[in-house]
Amino acid sequence: MQPLEVISVNIWQVVISLCNLLLLFLLLRKFLYKPVRKMMAARQEAVDEVYRKADEALETAEQERAEYEQKLAGADAEARELISVAQSNARQRSDSIIKEAEDRASGMLRRAENEIELERSKATSGMKKEIAGLAVELAEKLLEREINEDDHRSMIDSFINSIEEDGGSDVGNWQ
């Protein structure tokens, strides 16, 4: 019966093996499982913290990007406004320069017209005096006598007035 003894189950050995297994389980649980579990929990917390910080950084980056886009849009609008104001100012300045040039030109034209009128009146006055002088000389030669200066002037003035009443066509030919 030897072969059965080898195969036979000894209850005390099974109980001792189970007690050993239970004792080994309790020792491993106390000294290995709990610290490993604690370390795993700490690692999980560290990983969670990294993910939380990454999410916060991503959220902050999104907020900053949104603020940047708003500032960029504001800068674009401000630039368009500045360009519009500059164009408006340039148009106003251009209009004022053109108006000032037109005013100067019209002033110069008025002065030129006034000078022309003054020269015309001087020329007319000079012609009247010259005609009067020639008429006096001619009349003296024709009459061979000396005519009173006042009488002669009144005759010349009446002659000139009659020419002016006719439209000044004879006087205009002298110019």
Protein backbone atom coordinates (compact mmCIF):
# COMPACT_ATOMS: atom_id res chain seq x y z
CA MET A 1 0.00 0.00 0.00
CA GLN A 2 2.59 2.29 -0.50
CA PRO A 3 1.35 3.84 -3.65
CA LEU A 4 -1.79 4.96 -1.84
CA GLU A 5 0.15 6.60 0.85
CA VAL A 6 1.85 8.76 -1.67
CA ILE A 7 -1.47 9.75 -3.13
CA SER A 8 -3.25 9.96 0.14
CA VAL A 9 -4.24 13.28 1.57
CA ASN A 10 -3.05 14.19 4.99
CA ILE A 11 -5.59 16.51 6.51
CA TRP A 12 -3.15 18.05 8.90
CA GLN A 13 -0.85 18.97 6.11
CA VAL A 14 -3.70 20.57 4.18
CA VAL A 15 -4.77 22.54 7.26
CA ILE A 16 -1.20 23.67 7.92
CA SER A 17 -0.79 24.61 4.23
CA LEU A 18 -4.03 26.57 4.35
CA CYS A 19 -2.89 28.29 7.56
CA ASN A 20 0.43 29.08 5.91
CA LEU A 21 -1.37 30.39 2.86
CA LEU A 22 -3.67 32.52 5.03
CA LEU A 23 -0.75 33.79 7.06
CA LEU A 24 1.20 34.55 3.88
CA PHE A 25 -1.86 36.33 2.45
CA LEU A 26 -2.27 38.47 5.58
CA LEU A 27 1.43 39.33 5.68
CA LEU A 28 1.51 40.18 1.98
CA ARG A 29 -1.63 42.25 2.36
CA LYS A 30 -0.23 44.12 5.33
CA PHE A 31 3.27 44.75 4.05
CA LEU A 32 2.95 44.64 0.26
CA TYR A 33 -0.61 45.16 -0.97
CA LYS A 34 -1.47 48.24 1.15
CA PRO A 35 1.81 50.12 0.35
CA VAL A 36 1.53 49.25 -3.32
CA ARG A 37 -2.07 50.38 -3.31
CA LYS A 38 -1.06 53.57 -1.50
CA MET A 39 1.70 54.16 -4.06
CA MET A 40 -0.73 53.51 -6.92
CA ALA A 41 -3.23 55.95 -5.40
CA ALA A 42 -0.46 58.57 -5.05
CA ARG A 43 0.57 57.99 -8.68
CA GLN A 44 -3.05 58.27 -9.79
CA GLU A 45 -3.36 61.54 -7.86
CA ALA A 46 -0.16 62.83 -9.50
CA VAL A 47 -1.44 61.87 -12.95
CA ASP A 48 -4.81 63.46 -12.17
CA GLU A 49 -3.00 66.61 -11.01
CA VAL A 50 -0.98 66.72 -14.25
CA TYR A 51 -4.18 66.33 -16.29
CA ARG A 52 -5.92 68.98 -14.18
CA LYS A 53 -3.02 71.42 -14.70
CA ALA A 54 -2.97 70.63 -18.41
CA ASP A 55 -6.72 71.30 -18.62
CA GLU A 56 -6.27 74.57 -16.72
CA ALA A 57 -3.40 75.57 -19.02
CA LEU A 58 -5.51 74.69 -22.06
CA GLU A 59 -8.44 76.70 -20.70
CA THR A 60 -6.16 79.66 -19.93
CA ALA A 61 -4.65 79.42 -23.40
CA GLU A 62 -8.15 79.40 -24.94
CA GLN A 63 -9.14 82.46 -22.89
CA GLU A 64 -5.95 84.28 -23.88
CA ARG A 65 -6.51 83.35 -27.53
CA ALA A 66 -10.06 84.69 -27.35
CA GLU A 67 -8.80 87.90 -25.71
CA TYR A 68 -6.08 88.19 -28.37
CA GLU A 69 -8.63 87.76 -31.14
CA GLN A 70 -10.85 90.41 -29.54
CA LYS A 71 -7.91 92.78 -29.22
CA LEU A 72 -6.90 92.05 -32.80
CA ALA A 73 -10.45 92.74 -34.01
CA GLY A 74 -10.47 95.92 -31.92
CA ALA A 75 -7.12 96.94 -33.38
CA ASP A 76 -8.43 96.31 -36.90
CA ALA A 77 -11.51 98.41 -36.19
CA GLU A 78 -9.35 101.13 -34.62
CA ALA A 79 -7.01 101.08 -37.62
CA ARG A 80 -9.98 101.39 -39.99
CA GLU A 81 -11.31 104.28 -37.90
CA LEU A 82 -7.91 106.02 -37.91
CA ILE A 83 -7.65 105.59 -41.69
CA SER A 84 -11.16 106.96 -42.10
CA VAL A 85 -10.38 109.96 -39.88
CA ALA A 86 -7.10 110.57 -41.71
CA GLN A 87 -8.87 110.42 -45.08
CA SER A 88 -11.57 112.79 -43.81
CA ASN A 89 -8.94 115.20 -42.48
CA ALA A 90 -7.04 114.99 -45.76
CA ARG A 91 -10.22 115.75 -47.72
CA GLN A 92 -11.01 118.70 -45.46
CA ARG A 93 -7.46 120.00 -45.74
CA SER A 94 -7.55 119.54 -49.51
CA ASP A 95 -10.86 121.37 -49.73
CA SER A 96 -9.56 124.21 -47.57
CA ILE A 97 -6.37 124.49 -49.66
CA ILE A 98 -8.41 124.53 -52.88
CA LYS A 99 -10.81 127.12 -51.44
CA GLU A 100 -7.88 129.25 -50.27
CA ALA A 101 -6.28 129.02 -53.73
CA GLU A 102 -9.60 129.93 -55.38
CA ASP A 103 -9.99 132.89 -53.00
CA ARG A 104 -6.46 134.05 -53.79
CA ALA A 105 -7.05 133.65 -57.52
CA SER A 106 -10.32 135.57 -57.37
CA GLY A 107 -8.61 138.28 -55.28
CA MET A 108 -5.80 138.51 -57.82
CA LEU A 109 -8.38 138.66 -60.61
CA ARG A 110 -10.27 141.45 -58.85
CA ARG A 111 -7.03 143.37 -58.28
CA ALA A 112 -6.08 142.91 -61.93
CA GLU A 113 -9.53 144.09 -63.03
CA ASN A 114 -9.25 147.10 -60.69
CA GLU A 115 -5.80 147.88 -62.06
CA ILE A 116 -7.09 147.55 -65.63
CA GLU A 117 -9.99 149.86 -64.84
CA LEU A 118 -7.62 152.32 -63.16
CA GLU A 119 -5.27 152.22 -66.16
CA ARG A 120 -8.23 152.66 -68.50
CA SER A 121 -9.45 155.68 -66.54
CA LYS A 122 -5.90 157.10 -66.49
CA ALA A 123 -5.61 156.52 -70.23
CA THR A 124 -9.00 158.15 -70.83
CA SER A 125 -8.05 161.08 -68.64
CA GLY A 126 -4.70 161.37 -70.41
CA MET A 127 -6.37 161.27 -73.81
CA LYS A 128 -8.83 163.92 -72.71
CA LYS A 129 -5.98 166.17 -71.67
CA GLU A 130 -4.06 165.44 -74.87
CA ILE A 131 -7.12 166.02 -77.03
CA ALA A 132 -7.80 169.21 -75.12
CA GLY A 133 -4.24 170.38 -75.68
CA LEU A 134 -4.37 169.55 -79.39
CA ALA A 135 -7.75 171.17 -79.74
CA VAL A 136 -6.43 174.33 -78.11
CA GLU A 137 -3.46 174.44 -80.43
CA LEU A 138 -5.62 173.72 -83.44
CA ALA A 139 -8.17 176.30 -82.44
CA GLU A 140 -5.45 178.89 -81.86
CA LYS A 141 -4.00 178.26 -85.24
CA LEU A 142 -7.37 178.34 -86.92
CA LEU A 143 -8.57 181.43 -85.23
CA GLU A 144 -5.15 182.93 -84.92
CA ARG A 145 -6.11 184.40 -81.79
CA GLU A 146 -5.81 183.29 -78.21
CA ILE A 147 -8.84 181.75 -76.62
CA ASN A 148 -9.55 182.00 -72.96
CA GLU A 149 -8.47 178.77 -71.22
CA ASP A 150 -11.76 178.33 -69.29
CA ASP A 151 -13.85 178.80 -72.42
CA HIS A 152 -11.70 176.37 -74.25
CA ARG A 153 -11.97 173.74 -71.48
CA SER A 154 -15.72 173.97 -71.40
CA MET A 155 -15.87 173.51 -75.19
CA ILE A 156 -13.59 170.45 -74.98
CA ASP A 157 -15.54 168.92 -72.08
CA SER A 158 -18.79 169.33 -74.01
CA PHE A 159 -17.12 167.71 -77.03
CA ILE A 160 -15.85 164.76 -74.95
CA ASN A 161 -19.24 164.36 -73.25
CA SER A 162 -20.94 164.23 -76.62
CA ILE A 163 -18.47 161.53 -77.72
CA GLU A 164 -19.12 159.52 -74.54
CA GLU A 165 -22.89 159.81 -75.08
CA ASP A 166 -22.47 158.36 -78.56
CA GLY A 167 -21.06 155.23 -76.96
CA GLY A 168 -17.44 156.10 -76.79
CA SER A 169 -16.77 154.45 -80.11
CA ASP A 170 -14.36 157.17 -81.14
CA VAL A 171 -12.58 157.13 -77.75
CA GLY A 172 -12.25 153.32 -77.81
CA ASN A 173 -10.38 153.54 -81.13
CA TRP A 174 -7.61 155.57 -79.44
CA GLN A 175 -6.56 152.66 -77.19
